[in-house]
Amino acid sequence: MDGASKFVKGDAIAGIIIVIINLIFGMIIGVMQLDMSFGEAAVHFSMLSVGDGIVSQVPALLISTATGIVVTRAASNGNLGADIVEQLFQFPKMLYLTAATIFLLGLFTPISDLFTIPIAALLVVGGYTISRIPKQDESEIQEMEEVLETDEMKSPESVVNLLSVDPIEFEFGYGLIPLADANQGGDLLDRVVMIRRQLAIELGLVIPVVRIRDNIQLNPNEYRLKIKGNVMAKGNCFLIISWP
């Protein structure tokens, strides 16, 4: 995809240079060899050069469109054909705009009206038909999502998500909350971060993030250290409050 994008950029620059060269040398050839006036040569070869430039950009346009489809495709789990059809016909206003563009091309360009008018009318009918299709209400969609979530919770596989535990946990009773609460002057979290950083610098050992939480099931001054959900150490810590 990266190579295709670079190809599109280079092809666009090369196409502009080729158009300029065709225009300049075409007018010179028209005036000096074909005995045209400067105005006639400019009109004739400018139309040819612009047409050739537009045709040469068709491959770049196709590659750019394919790149955009691939990028947006990465966020979808559905079928590619279904996704493209849904994106193209999801907004009726886009069909109306496309119909108006094709109709104006038939009026102001040499393209025959026998081709542009039926295509524009078909797009208008398609946009009107799509706009008449009733859309699901947001409340109905929300109810459907809630039903799906309830069904997932009832399935046996939903229990697997509850088995994930933190690598390292530090739990303490409510009496030790001032040690971890920054509003009460606690610096436990900062100390843990400093220890993890020191171990990484000195020993090259990266300690996982330590989950610090209070546990009302513990005694007020009790703490315990758990690794992968297993209690590895525990004890009691008493705070000494000094009065001024």
Protein backbone atom coordinates (compact mmCIF):
# COMPACT_ATOMS: atom_id res chain seq x y z
CA MET A 1 0.00 0.00 0.00
CA ASP A 2 2.88 2.34 0.79
CA GLY A 3 4.47 1.59 -2.56
CA ALA A 4 1.18 2.17 -4.35
CA SER A 5 0.80 5.56 -2.64
CA LYS A 6 4.30 6.59 -3.71
CA PHE A 7 3.49 5.44 -7.24
CA VAL A 8 0.36 7.62 -7.26
CA LYS A 9 2.36 10.67 -6.17
CA GLY A 10 5.08 10.13 -8.76
CA ASP A 11 2.58 9.40 -11.52
CA ALA A 12 0.65 12.60 -10.75
CA ILE A 13 3.82 14.73 -10.95
CA ALA A 14 4.90 13.03 -14.16
CA GLY A 15 1.44 13.56 -15.64
CA ILE A 16 1.55 17.31 -14.95
CA ILE A 17 4.99 17.62 -16.55
CA ILE A 18 3.87 15.65 -19.62
CA VAL A 19 0.77 17.86 -20.05
CA ILE A 20 2.89 21.02 -19.92
CA ILE A 21 5.39 19.63 -22.44
CA ASN A 22 2.61 18.49 -24.81
CA LEU A 23 0.92 21.88 -24.61
CA ILE A 24 4.05 23.95 -25.27
CA PHE A 25 5.56 21.82 -28.03
CA GLY A 26 2.13 21.16 -29.55
CA MET A 27 1.54 24.88 -30.02
CA ILE A 28 5.04 25.28 -31.50
CA ILE A 29 4.44 22.43 -33.97
CA GLY A 30 0.99 23.79 -34.86
CA VAL A 31 2.32 27.27 -35.64
CA MET A 32 5.57 26.29 -37.39
CA GLN A 33 4.64 23.08 -39.25
CA LEU A 34 0.85 23.07 -39.62
CA ASP A 35 0.54 26.78 -40.48
CA MET A 36 -2.00 27.42 -37.71
CA SER A 37 -2.47 30.70 -35.96
CA PHE A 38 -1.34 30.93 -32.36
CA GLY A 39 -4.97 30.99 -31.13
CA GLU A 40 -5.99 27.96 -33.19
CA ALA A 41 -2.93 26.00 -32.07
CA ALA A 42 -3.53 26.92 -28.43
CA VAL A 43 -7.19 25.78 -28.54
CA HIS A 44 -6.50 22.60 -30.49
CA PHE A 45 -3.47 21.31 -28.57
CA SER A 46 -4.71 22.46 -25.16
CA MET A 47 -7.78 20.27 -25.57
CA LEU A 48 -5.64 17.33 -26.68
CA SER A 49 -3.12 17.82 -23.87
CA VAL A 50 -5.76 18.14 -21.15
CA GLY A 51 -7.61 15.09 -22.45
CA ASP A 52 -4.42 13.05 -22.51
CA GLY A 53 -3.59 14.19 -18.96
CA ILE A 54 -7.03 13.20 -17.68
CA VAL A 55 -6.81 9.76 -19.29
CA SER A 56 -3.32 9.20 -17.85
CA GLN A 57 -4.63 9.89 -14.33
CA VAL A 58 -7.21 7.09 -14.48
CA PRO A 59 -4.76 4.43 -13.14
CA ALA A 60 -3.72 6.77 -10.31
CA LEU A 61 -7.38 7.35 -9.47
CA LEU A 62 -8.07 3.61 -9.37
CA ILE A 63 -5.05 2.96 -7.14
CA SER A 64 -6.07 5.78 -4.77
CA THR A 65 -9.60 4.41 -4.56
CA ALA A 66 -8.34 0.90 -3.89
CA THR A 67 -5.98 2.22 -1.18
CA GLY A 68 -8.85 4.02 0.55
CA ILE A 69 -10.99 0.89 0.43
CA VAL A 70 -8.19 -1.21 1.93
CA VAL A 71 -7.59 1.31 4.73
CA THR A 72 -11.26 1.54 5.70
CA ARG A 73 -11.60 -2.22 5.30
CA ALA A 74 -9.19 -2.77 8.21
CA ALA A 75 -11.83 -1.60 10.72
CA SER A 76 -14.59 -3.90 9.45
CA ASN A 77 -15.31 -7.58 9.94
CA GLY A 78 -17.90 -7.97 7.19
CA ASN A 79 -17.70 -8.98 3.55
CA LEU A 80 -15.80 -6.57 1.26
CA GLY A 81 -18.55 -6.43 -1.36
CA ALA A 82 -21.24 -5.83 1.26
CA ASP A 83 -19.17 -3.08 2.88
CA ILE A 84 -18.65 -1.28 -0.43
CA VAL A 85 -22.34 -1.44 -1.34
CA GLU A 86 -23.33 -0.23 2.13
CA GLN A 87 -20.92 2.71 1.99
CA LEU A 88 -21.98 3.71 -1.52
CA PHE A 89 -25.73 3.57 -0.95
CA GLN A 90 -25.98 4.49 2.72
CA PHE A 91 -26.46 8.22 2.08
CA PRO A 92 -29.13 9.17 -0.51
CA LYS A 93 -27.78 12.75 -0.73
CA MET A 94 -24.62 11.38 -2.34
CA LEU A 95 -26.70 9.80 -5.12
CA TYR A 96 -28.52 13.09 -5.70
CA LEU A 97 -25.20 14.95 -5.93
CA THR A 98 -23.81 12.37 -8.36
CA ALA A 99 -26.96 12.61 -10.50
CA ALA A 100 -26.69 16.41 -10.64
CA THR A 101 -23.01 16.19 -11.64
CA ILE A 102 -23.72 13.74 -14.45
CA PHE A 103 -26.65 15.85 -15.66
CA LEU A 104 -24.47 18.98 -15.80
CA LEU A 105 -21.78 17.06 -17.67
CA GLY A 106 -24.37 16.23 -20.30
CA LEU A 107 -25.38 19.89 -20.62
CA PHE A 108 -22.00 21.61 -20.67
CA THR A 109 -19.76 18.96 -22.29
CA PRO A 110 -19.85 17.16 -25.64
CA ILE A 111 -21.09 14.01 -23.90
CA SER A 112 -24.44 13.00 -25.41
CA ASP A 113 -27.56 13.61 -23.34
CA LEU A 114 -28.79 10.16 -24.34
CA PHE A 115 -26.26 8.70 -21.89
CA THR A 116 -26.20 11.26 -19.09
CA ILE A 117 -29.92 11.89 -18.59
CA PRO A 118 -30.96 8.21 -18.11
CA ILE A 119 -28.05 7.62 -15.72
CA ALA A 120 -28.90 10.75 -13.72
CA ALA A 121 -32.58 9.76 -13.57
CA LEU A 122 -31.65 6.25 -12.41
CA LEU A 123 -29.50 7.69 -9.62
CA VAL A 124 -32.30 10.02 -8.52
CA VAL A 125 -34.77 7.13 -8.39
CA GLY A 126 -32.27 5.05 -6.44
CA GLY A 127 -31.66 7.85 -3.93
CA TYR A 128 -35.39 8.40 -3.45
CA THR A 129 -35.96 4.66 -2.95
CA ILE A 130 -33.19 4.43 -0.37
CA SER A 131 -34.47 7.49 1.50
CA ARG A 132 -37.91 5.86 1.80
CA ILE A 133 -36.51 2.75 3.50
CA PRO A 134 -37.35 3.02 7.23
CA LYS A 135 -34.29 3.07 9.46
CA GLN A 136 -34.09 1.40 12.82
CA ASP A 137 -34.64 3.65 15.77
CA GLU A 138 -31.70 4.18 18.13
CA SER A 139 -33.72 2.81 21.01
CA GLU A 140 -34.35 -0.42 19.10
CA ILE A 141 -30.65 -0.74 18.31
CA GLN A 142 -29.79 -0.18 21.97
CA GLU A 143 -32.29 -2.82 23.05
CA MET A 144 -30.81 -5.30 20.60
CA GLU A 145 -27.30 -4.61 21.94
CA GLU A 146 -28.50 -5.14 25.51
CA VAL A 147 -30.10 -8.46 24.53
CA LEU A 148 -26.86 -9.58 22.89
CA GLU A 149 -24.84 -8.61 25.96
CA THR A 150 -27.24 -10.54 28.18
CA ASP A 151 -26.93 -13.61 25.98
CA GLU A 152 -23.14 -13.36 26.11
CA MET A 153 -23.20 -13.17 29.90
CA LYS A 154 -25.32 -16.33 30.04
CA SER A 155 -22.90 -18.27 27.87
CA PRO A 156 -20.25 -20.43 29.62
CA GLU A 157 -17.43 -18.73 27.67
CA SER A 158 -18.10 -15.37 29.37
CA VAL A 159 -16.55 -16.67 32.60
CA VAL A 160 -13.11 -16.77 30.94
CA ASN A 161 -12.93 -12.97 30.91
CA LEU A 162 -13.30 -12.92 34.71
CA LEU A 163 -10.19 -15.04 35.25
CA SER A 164 -7.71 -12.32 34.28
CA VAL A 165 -5.64 -11.14 37.24
CA ASP A 166 -3.00 -8.48 37.62
CA PRO A 167 0.65 -9.61 37.66
CA ILE A 168 1.38 -7.83 40.96
CA GLU A 169 -1.20 -6.53 43.46
CA PHE A 170 -0.71 -4.67 46.71
CA GLU A 171 -3.80 -4.63 48.95
CA PHE A 172 -4.21 -2.88 52.28
CA GLY A 173 -6.89 -2.16 54.85
CA TYR A 174 -8.69 1.14 55.24
CA GLY A 175 -6.37 2.18 58.06
CA LEU A 176 -3.45 2.40 55.60
CA ILE A 177 -5.25 4.50 53.03
CA PRO A 178 -3.30 7.68 54.04
CA LEU A 179 -0.13 5.99 52.78
CA ALA A 180 -1.48 5.83 49.22
CA ASP A 181 -3.75 8.91 49.17
CA ALA A 182 -1.83 11.84 47.71
CA ASN A 183 -4.38 14.27 49.17
CA GLN A 184 -3.39 13.09 52.66
CA GLY A 185 0.34 13.28 51.98
CA GLY A 186 0.79 9.65 50.97
CA ASP A 187 3.58 8.85 48.51
CA LEU A 188 3.30 5.07 48.23
CA LEU A 189 2.63 5.14 44.50
CA ASP A 190 5.62 7.42 43.85
CA ARG A 191 7.87 5.14 45.87
CA VAL A 192 6.74 2.08 43.92
CA VAL A 193 7.45 3.88 40.65
CA MET A 194 10.93 4.86 41.86
CA ILE A 195 11.71 1.28 42.90
CA ARG A 196 10.59 -0.11 39.54
CA ARG A 197 12.74 2.46 37.75
CA GLN A 198 15.77 1.74 39.93
CA LEU A 199 15.49 -2.01 39.33
CA ALA A 200 15.21 -1.44 35.59
CA ILE A 201 18.33 0.76 35.54
CA GLU A 202 20.54 -1.26 37.87
CA LEU A 203 19.47 -4.84 37.16
CA GLY A 204 17.76 -4.54 33.78
CA LEU A 205 14.67 -6.11 35.33
CA VAL A 206 11.37 -4.60 34.21
CA ILE A 207 8.78 -5.09 36.94
CA PRO A 208 5.15 -5.11 35.73
CA VAL A 209 2.78 -2.39 36.85
CA VAL A 210 1.85 -2.84 40.51
CA ARG A 211 -1.89 -2.57 41.13
CA ILE A 212 -2.50 -0.76 44.41
CA ARG A 213 -5.98 -1.00 45.94
CA ASP A 214 -7.72 -1.02 49.31
CA ASN A 215 -9.58 -4.11 50.49
CA ILE A 216 -12.31 -3.81 53.13
CA GLN A 217 -12.02 -7.53 53.86
CA LEU A 218 -8.61 -6.99 55.44
CA ASN A 219 -7.98 -5.68 58.94
CA PRO A 220 -7.51 -1.92 59.16
CA ASN A 221 -3.70 -2.12 59.41
CA GLU A 222 -3.17 -5.28 57.39
CA TYR A 223 -1.54 -5.47 53.99
CA ARG A 224 -0.64 -8.26 51.59
CA LEU A 225 1.27 -8.69 48.36
CA LYS A 226 -0.16 -10.91 45.64
CA ILE A 227 1.55 -12.23 42.48
CA LYS A 228 -0.75 -13.68 39.85
CA GLY A 229 -3.52 -13.79 42.44
CA ASN A 230 -1.45 -15.75 44.98
CA VAL A 231 -0.63 -14.19 48.35
CA MET A 232 3.17 -14.07 48.64
CA ALA A 233 3.56 -11.79 51.68
CA LYS A 234 1.37 -10.17 54.30
CA GLY A 235 1.69 -8.28 57.53
CA ASN A 236 0.52 -5.36 59.63
CA CYS A 237 1.65 -1.77 59.53
CA PHE A 238 0.78 0.83 62.14
CA LEU A 239 0.84 4.53 61.34
CA ILE A 240 2.45 6.85 63.87
CA ILE A 241 0.85 10.24 63.84
CA SER A 242 2.96 12.98 65.41
CA TRP A 243 1.16 15.96 66.85
CA PRO A 244 2.88 19.36 66.70
